[in-house]
Structure formats: structure tokens, C-alpha cells
Amino acid sequence: MQKVNNSLNLLSKVAADFIGLDTVYKTADGEKSRRIYLDSTASTLMMGVAHDALEAFYDHYANTHSVLHFSARISTDLYYWAHDRILSFLKADPDSYACFFTGSGTTAGINRLARVFRDNRPDRDTALVSLMEHHSNDLPHRKHMNKVIHLPLDNHQGQPGCINLEALEFELSKNSEKVNYVAVTGVSNVTGIINPIHDVAEMAHEYGALVLVDGAQAVAHMPVQMAGHKNPNRNIDAFVFSGHKTYVPGSPGVVVCRKDILLNIEPEEVGGGMVENVYIDRYEIKKSFPDREEAGTPNIPGAISLAVAIDVLDRIGMQKIYEEEEELILIAMKKMKEIQDILIYGEPDCNVCPRVASISFNIKGMDHGLVAAILNDYHNIAVRNECFCAHPYVKEMILDHLLEATEYVEEENFEEEFKLKSGMVRASFGLYNSLSDVNALADALMDIVTNKEKYSAIYHVDVNGEYRHNSFCAEKENHFSVTNFIDQYFNK
């Protein structure tokens, strides 16, 4: 009981200390209120302790790969600590797995691994990819593999759920000598539905295929165990996630991969730091990790601050975080189901398909962009809309409603109307969200549903296809300028 209480106390302390929680904006009705941030699946807010630790580290900042002056030694030690801390967090044995950082979040890491897997086993030229993937875990495989087979999802009364394991086994059996790897998301960035990644791994390994998991939406919300399972076939070969979705904006992407796979081929990127020796006619690559996979000067502050956030999450306990967020999602789903005209996408029964973090929805008779604009302009609730870089998945779920909504649209206006209606609204949660945020969202949605005609009359679509208020200018009322900030600095 004492351990549970300590975990809850730490969770409450951390949840209340995020940069931007008290940001105030002026809304279209002239009131000023605190922003409610429900866009964490796109990018999370900055964890306060990670921010403060980074500020303290800047007093000691220097480049890594040297230990002969005090600051360089501190930077180097902390940078390698960051790798070790992430391996420990993911329960990836450091003797078998390497951790290294990449540039543009998960996207860079998955592109890198698609090329690594291709070159590691060139005779196996096929990748199996689930239909629910973010473009970051779909397009790299299309580009770098000879063939990609998209796997369907379980169907539950017309709503898609998790990856279909029967279809996976069918394709693995049918293409057993050609499948190089299976790429699957741990958690959908659209619906928050959790995939059974260890079941996928067990099945894939039985047919000699590797498994690459997009963990961008999983790491901050639920426990992840890459290795150490009783059945080693349930271990994950490679796992990628993003620091900016793990409470540290500006931090790098992370790749954790089996060392034996990486050692089979020359590293994808070459340059300073990853070589043992360089001669006029040749160079010798380091065998040590992470050096051999990280050419050039890395994002040292980003890596260290990300590891701080990971350390904090581990201290709270990912199971406790998962349970708290699951309860919030269940309450939000229940409240939204009670509001007339709201369509929730993906299998809505969390007992059938567990969810974390995200709920995507539409309001009948209203475009997704209009709903998102009203939530922002009148209720100061930040959500995201459109297709969330998962076009095939989203369009499959909304197809029936899309056809119905565009049935009587004139041909010359069809393309514009199709774009306006081709998408969803997504509310996504983080460590800092509370029941009051869920209640505010439910109240706002009830207001919008009740006043559809009123709101529709005071918005128009601009030349860029975005919904804009007829008189309220968000950019003018809530302006932030970096150049003004600089001017003020010098005018102090």
C-alpha cells in the first residue's frame, strides 16, 4: 500500500509540473481561459523536471567523445547514461541490444531500419505492414523493400480493431521464404488501439521473420518489455520511438535494435565518431555501440533530457500510468457515447480492444475542421483534425460516412468538399490531463452538437481550405513573436 501511495504522489507531483499547463488564450467570446491541451499524440508538453535538469546541465555542456576536461567528461558520461537508461526502461538486455539516437523522431529511425533490414537479408525482399500504420511506419518500407503486403485488421461489428493475426499467419506461411520482417505499431496514433506486439513477434519468428515495432505512441503510456520473455520468440527485434511524444519536445528519435543485426552490415551513416581509424585508402568502423551508429555530433541535450523523462516515468511505474490513463479514456468514451451525433472510430469496446491516449471522432453533419476550430476558438481546447498521417486507415473507417456526405455534391465542388469531409477530430491525452479536462471536452461537444446551425453560420472556409471564424482572429488575439522577445531582451 505504501508503494502504491508513493507512486500516486509522485504521479500527481509530476503531472502538475509541465511547461505550458498554465498558458492562457483569449477565446472568441472575449474571455480569457487556460488552454486545455488534448493534442499529446502529435507532441506532448515538456516535463518540468526534464526541463529543469536540462537547464542545470547547460552549465556543464560540452561536446562528447572526450574525457580530458571536466565538462566533456560530464557530457560524455551523461550521454552514455541516456542510452543505458532507455535500454533498462524497455527491458532490453544491453548485451544483446543497442540503443542509438536519430534525427527526425520515429521517422528517421524507421527509415534507417528499413534499409538495415533490407541489406541484412537481401534475399528476403518482402515486408508485412499493418493497415493502421502511421506513414512513418509504412512509406519507408514501400520505398526500401521490393514488396509490401498490407495486413487487414480485426473487424468488430463494422469497426476495425487490432491487427488480424490470422491474416498475418496466412501471409507468413504463403511467403515464408520472402518475408524479411513485420512492421507494426504498438499503439495506433488514430484510435489509441493497442496491438498484441508479442503475439505478432512469436508468430513472425516461427516463420523466420523479424519484427519492427513503431513505439511512438506506446512508450509514454504503457509498459514495454522488449526482451526477457520465457518464450524468446516473443522478444522484439527492433523498437523505435520519439522523444517529442515522450514529454521532451526537441529531443531525438530512439532506435533500439538487436546488435547482431546491426553488426552484419556497415552503418548507414558515416563520419566523425563512428570510426576507429581513417587512412587514405580505407577506414575502420568501431565495433562498439552506440558510437558506430551515431556519426557526427549528436543532440546531446535532447538525449539527456529524454532519459530524465524516461527515468521519471519509470519511478512512477508505467503500469500505474497505464491504469490512470485507461480510466480517463474509459470515462471520456462513456461521456462521448452519451452525446447524440458523435461517431467514435475504431472498436469502441475497450474490453475487446484496449486503448490508450487517443480517441478519434466526428459529429454528424459537421466537418472535422469546423469542429476542431470551434473547440479551439470557443472552448480553448486544443485538438487535431484531418487524417493524422494515416490516410489508408482513416479513410477506411470514414468511407461510408464520406460517401453519404458527398453523395449530392456538385461535380465542380467535389474535390474541395471531399477534402473538407475526409478526416476526423482527435482528442489525445497525456500525463498532465485530468478528469476536469475530460468534463470540459464533453461539455464543449454537447454545446457544439446543440448549436450546430449557430456555429456553422459564423465560420467560412479560407483559400487554404481551413475553417476560419468570420470575425475572431486567433492569430491577432493570441500572438507570440520570437523577434519581439529578442527586442524585449535587448531593451531591458
Foldseek 3Di string as FASTA:
>chain_A
DVLLVVLVVLLVVQLVAFPQQQDWFQFPVRDIDRFAEQALLVFNTAGRVLVVVLVVLVVLDDFEPDCPDPSNVVLPVLLVVLFVLVCVQQQNPPVWKFKDFDADAQLRVLLQVLQLLCVLCVQQQEEEEELLDFCSQPVSSVVRGPYYHYFYADADPNFGAETDVVSLLVVCVVRLRRYAAYEYEQARSAAQFGYPQLVSQLSQVVSPHAYEYEDAPPLQAAGHHQQDDPPRSSHHAKYKYGLRSLNQPPATIMIMGTLVSVVSDQAPDDAPQQWPDDDPVDTHGDSDPPRNRDHDTHPSSRSSSSSVSSVSCVSSPNHVRNVQQQVLVVVLLVLQVVAPQKAWHHPSDCVVTNGGWKIWIDGPPDFQLLLQVQCCNPLSYHWDKAANSSQSSQCSRCVVVLCVVQVPPDPVCRVLVSRRRHMTIMGTDGSNDDNVSSVSVSVSVNVCNVPVPVSVVQWDQDPVRGIDGNPDDSCVRPPDDPVVVVVVVVVD
